[in-house]
Structure formats: structure tokens, C-alpha cells
């Protein structure tokens, strides 16, 4: 007689481990971002664009790190609460998808920004951004203004030279015309 078994112990173990893995993936934290390295100038705004997905409502925390300092920017749960630190309260905008906007950039804002997403179960995932802040050099504007003034002076000088050359040319032409004309004193009037 043939024994027909649909599943043996190894198949059941494999199926359960795959099911647990798929369920774990469904509840796993994912942080997606199109751009991880950003460059802006002083006094501009920057938007750290992320798309956070996980099971339940995540707790999102943003931290700033540089060679000099490390500090927390803010923590929030989308739709529940937002807690931005005093240093950043007027410049940070928190978004429900985990993104963060930082306005009125300063040179000190250049550094590494880390987003930490934590689930209610305690599992967490980090992702980072590098922000480079360029300084607007007003010395460059001074050089530009000096260059514009120098070019304007050169243009004015060239216009003056062209005007003088035109005057000289007209006088030479008039002098040549006078030289070619016969003089009136050679012809004498006859008495009647």
C-alpha cells in the first residue's frame, strides 16, 4: 500500500520559515531616498526627502553630526506628536512621511544628518544624508563690481577716442576740399 503524505517535516519547517520571513519583511522598516548628498548655499532652504514605511506608526528622529558637535534636531510620530529642539524650532518643518525641511541655512549646518526610524516593537533603522553648505562670497561681488566699473570706463574712453578721431577726419576732409578749390583772387573783373 502506498502511503501518501502531502508534507513531511522538512517541507513544513521550510514553509514556516519562509512565511515568517515574508511576514517580517512586510513589517520591516524601509527608508527610501532619491538623493543622499545635498549642496546648498547659505540662507537657502534644504529638503531631506525620505519615504518611511513600516508596520504601525513609526517614531522618527533626526540627528545632526559634524566634526565639532552632535545634537538631536527633533523627534515625531506622524499624526501623533512633534518635538523639535529649541535650536531648530523656527527653522525645521517635519513631514508625516519622515522628510524634514530646514530653512535659512548657516555654515554650521554643514555635516551629516541621520534619520532613525523606530517601530513600536523596538526595532529601528538608520539612514544618513550629507549636507554641504557653500558660503556666498561677497568679495566676489566686489571684484565683479570693480570689473564692471573698469569695463564701463574702458568703453567710455573708446567712445571718446572714436569721437575725437571722427572730428579729426572731418577737419582733414574739409581741409582737402579747400585745397582743391580754385582761389577767387586769380580771376579779375573787367571794367565795362
Protein backbone atom coordinates (compact mmCIF):
# COMPACT_ATOMS: atom_id res chain seq x y z
CA UNK A 1 0.00 0.00 0.00
CA UNK A 2 1.19 3.36 -0.85
CA UNK A 3 1.48 5.92 1.84
CA UNK A 4 0.61 9.27 0.59
CA UNK A 5 1.99 12.18 2.57
CA UNK A 6 1.33 15.64 1.46
CA UNK A 7 4.08 17.27 3.50
CA UNK A 8 6.95 15.94 5.50
CA UNK A 9 8.65 17.62 8.45
CA UNK A 10 11.32 19.37 6.37
CA UNK A 11 8.77 20.85 4.00
CA UNK A 12 6.71 22.19 6.89
CA UNK A 13 9.81 23.73 8.50
CA UNK A 14 10.82 25.35 5.22
CA UNK A 15 7.32 26.69 4.64
CA UNK A 16 7.08 28.13 8.16
CA UNK A 17 10.48 29.80 7.96
CA UNK A 18 9.58 31.36 4.60
CA UNK A 19 6.22 32.53 5.96
CA UNK A 20 7.89 34.09 9.00
CA UNK A 21 10.47 35.77 6.76
CA UNK A 22 7.77 37.20 4.47
CA UNK A 23 5.77 38.44 7.47
CA UNK A 24 8.93 40.01 8.85
CA UNK A 25 9.58 41.74 5.53
CA UNK A 26 6.03 43.04 5.47
CA UNK A 27 6.57 44.68 8.84
CA UNK A 28 10.19 45.66 8.21
CA UNK A 29 11.23 49.26 8.25
CA UNK A 30 12.22 50.76 4.93
CA UNK A 31 13.70 54.20 4.32
CA UNK A 32 13.87 55.32 0.69
CA UNK A 33 15.54 58.48 -0.54
CA UNK A 34 16.45 59.60 -4.04
CA UNK A 35 19.35 61.83 -3.03
CA UNK A 36 21.73 61.34 -0.11
CA UNK A 37 24.21 64.14 -0.80
CA UNK A 38 22.93 67.71 -0.95
CA UNK A 39 24.68 71.02 -1.65
CA UNK A 40 23.09 74.37 -0.87
CA UNK A 41 24.22 77.95 -0.22
CA UNK A 42 23.94 79.99 2.95
CA UNK A 43 20.41 81.34 3.59
CA UNK A 44 18.81 78.81 1.22
CA UNK A 45 16.43 76.02 2.26
CA UNK A 46 17.03 72.28 2.05
CA UNK A 47 14.55 69.42 1.94
CA UNK A 48 15.67 66.00 3.16
CA UNK A 49 13.26 63.85 1.17
CA UNK A 50 12.59 60.36 2.52
CA UNK A 51 9.77 57.87 2.34
CA UNK A 52 9.48 55.82 5.51
CA UNK A 53 7.33 52.71 5.67
CA UNK A 54 6.88 50.20 8.47
CA UNK A 55 4.21 48.37 10.39
CA UNK A 56 2.30 50.73 12.67
CA UNK A 57 3.16 54.31 13.47
CA UNK A 58 6.92 54.88 13.47
CA UNK A 59 8.87 57.22 15.70
CA UNK A 60 11.11 59.38 13.55
CA UNK A 61 14.20 61.03 14.97
CA UNK A 62 16.59 63.33 13.12
CA UNK A 63 20.11 63.98 14.43
CA UNK A 64 22.89 66.25 13.22
CA UNK A 65 26.56 65.31 13.39
CA UNK A 66 29.68 67.20 12.40
CA UNK A 67 33.31 67.15 13.40
CA UNK A 68 32.54 69.64 16.16
CA UNK A 69 29.11 68.79 17.53
CA UNK A 70 26.38 66.15 17.62
CA UNK A 71 22.81 67.06 18.53
CA UNK A 72 19.21 65.97 18.17
CA UNK A 73 17.08 68.03 15.82
CA UNK A 74 13.70 66.56 16.61
CA UNK A 75 11.52 63.53 17.19
CA UNK A 76 7.99 62.95 15.97
CA UNK A 77 5.32 60.37 15.31
CA UNK A 78 3.25 61.21 12.23
CA UNK A 79 -0.17 62.42 13.28
CA UNK A 80 0.60 62.00 17.00
CA UNK A 81 3.21 64.50 18.19
CA UNK A 82 6.13 66.62 17.03
CA UNK A 83 9.01 67.60 19.30
CA UNK A 84 11.60 69.88 17.67
CA UNK A 85 14.50 71.15 19.80
CA UNK A 86 14.77 74.85 20.65
CA UNK A 87 17.83 75.34 18.39
CA UNK A 88 15.83 74.25 15.34
CA UNK A 89 12.24 75.12 16.28
CA UNK A 90 11.96 78.12 13.94
CA UNK A 91 13.80 76.50 11.03
CA UNK A 92 12.60 72.87 10.84
CA UNK A 93 9.45 71.56 9.21
CA UNK A 94 8.55 67.92 9.99
CA UNK A 95 6.56 65.85 7.49
CA UNK A 96 4.46 62.72 8.02
CA UNK A 97 6.47 60.61 5.58
CA UNK A 98 9.66 61.22 7.59
CA UNK A 99 11.00 64.04 5.45
CA UNK A 100 12.39 67.18 7.02
CA UNK A 101 12.76 70.73 5.73
CA UNK A 102 15.48 73.00 7.10
CA UNK A 103 15.29 76.70 6.22
CA UNK A 104 17.72 79.62 6.39
CA UNK A 105 20.89 77.51 6.18
CA UNK A 106 24.05 78.55 8.01
CA UNK A 107 27.63 77.43 7.52
CA UNK A 108 27.35 75.48 10.79
CA UNK A 109 24.56 73.36 9.25
CA UNK A 110 27.05 71.54 7.01
CA UNK A 111 27.51 67.97 8.16
CA UNK A 112 25.86 64.57 8.41
CA UNK A 113 22.12 64.20 9.10
CA UNK A 114 20.86 60.86 10.41
CA UNK A 115 17.24 59.73 10.41
CA UNK A 116 16.36 56.92 12.82
CA UNK A 117 13.01 55.18 12.37
CA UNK A 118 11.82 53.08 15.31
CA UNK A 119 8.78 50.79 15.34
CA UNK A 120 6.57 50.18 18.35
CA UNK A 121 8.25 46.77 18.72
CA UNK A 122 11.59 48.49 19.30
CA UNK A 123 13.29 47.61 16.02
CA UNK A 124 14.92 50.54 14.28
CA UNK A 125 16.73 51.51 11.10
CA UNK A 126 19.04 54.44 10.30
CA UNK A 127 19.82 56.34 7.14
CA UNK A 128 22.02 59.34 6.54
CA UNK A 129 22.43 62.45 4.42
CA UNK A 130 25.46 64.63 3.77
CA UNK A 131 24.81 68.36 3.51
CA UNK A 132 27.41 70.75 2.14
CA UNK A 133 26.74 74.45 2.69
CA UNK A 134 28.52 76.91 0.39
CA UNK A 135 29.31 80.41 1.53
CA UNK A 136 28.29 83.31 -0.69
CA UNK A 137 31.49 85.28 -1.01
CA UNK A 138 30.83 88.99 -1.05
CA UNK A 139 34.45 89.54 -2.12
CA UNK A 140 33.47 88.01 -5.44
CA UNK A 141 30.72 90.61 -5.74
CA UNK A 142 33.25 93.35 -5.03
CA UNK A 143 35.55 92.04 -7.76
CA UNK A 144 32.59 91.85 -10.10
CA UNK A 145 31.55 95.44 -9.40
CA UNK A 146 35.14 96.68 -9.87
CA UNK A 147 35.33 94.78 -13.16
CA UNK A 148 32.06 96.32 -14.35
CA UNK A 149 33.31 99.83 -13.47
CA UNK A 150 36.63 99.19 -15.26
CA UNK A 151 34.84 97.91 -18.37
CA UNK A 152 32.48 100.90 -18.35
CA UNK A 153 35.47 103.28 -18.08
CA UNK A 154 37.22 101.49 -20.97
CA UNK A 155 34.05 101.73 -23.07
CA UNK A 156 33.73 105.46 -22.29
CA UNK A 157 37.39 106.02 -23.22
CA UNK A 158 36.94 104.17 -26.51
CA UNK A 159 33.84 106.25 -27.31
CA UNK A 160 35.79 109.46 -26.61
CA UNK A 161 38.65 108.33 -28.85
CA UNK A 162 36.20 107.45 -31.64
CA UNK A 163 34.56 110.90 -31.32
CA UNK A 164 37.94 112.66 -31.48
CA UNK A 165 39.03 110.61 -34.50
CA UNK A 166 35.76 111.49 -36.24
CA UNK A 167 36.39 115.21 -35.60
CA UNK A 168 39.96 114.94 -36.93
CA UNK A 169 38.74 113.05 -40.00
CA UNK A 170 36.10 115.71 -40.80
CA UNK A 171 38.68 118.51 -40.49
CA UNK A 172 41.10 116.72 -42.79
CA UNK A 173 38.35 116.18 -45.38
CA UNK A 174 37.34 119.86 -45.16
CA UNK A 175 40.97 120.99 -45.50
CA UNK A 176 41.45 118.83 -48.63
CA UNK A 177 38.30 120.27 -50.22
CA UNK A 178 39.52 123.81 -49.63
CA UNK A 179 42.86 122.97 -51.15
CA UNK A 180 41.34 121.68 -54.38
CA UNK A 181 39.06 124.66 -54.94
CA UNK A 182 40.47 127.42 -57.16
CA UNK A 183 41.09 130.70 -55.48
CA UNK A 184 38.87 133.67 -56.29
CA UNK A 185 41.68 136.19 -56.40
CA UNK A 186 43.06 134.79 -59.68
CA UNK A 187 40.07 135.95 -61.67
CA UNK A 188 39.85 139.67 -62.23
CA UNK A 189 36.81 141.60 -63.12
CA UNK A 190 36.96 143.60 -66.38
CA UNK A 191 35.62 147.17 -66.49
CA UNK A 192 32.55 147.82 -68.56
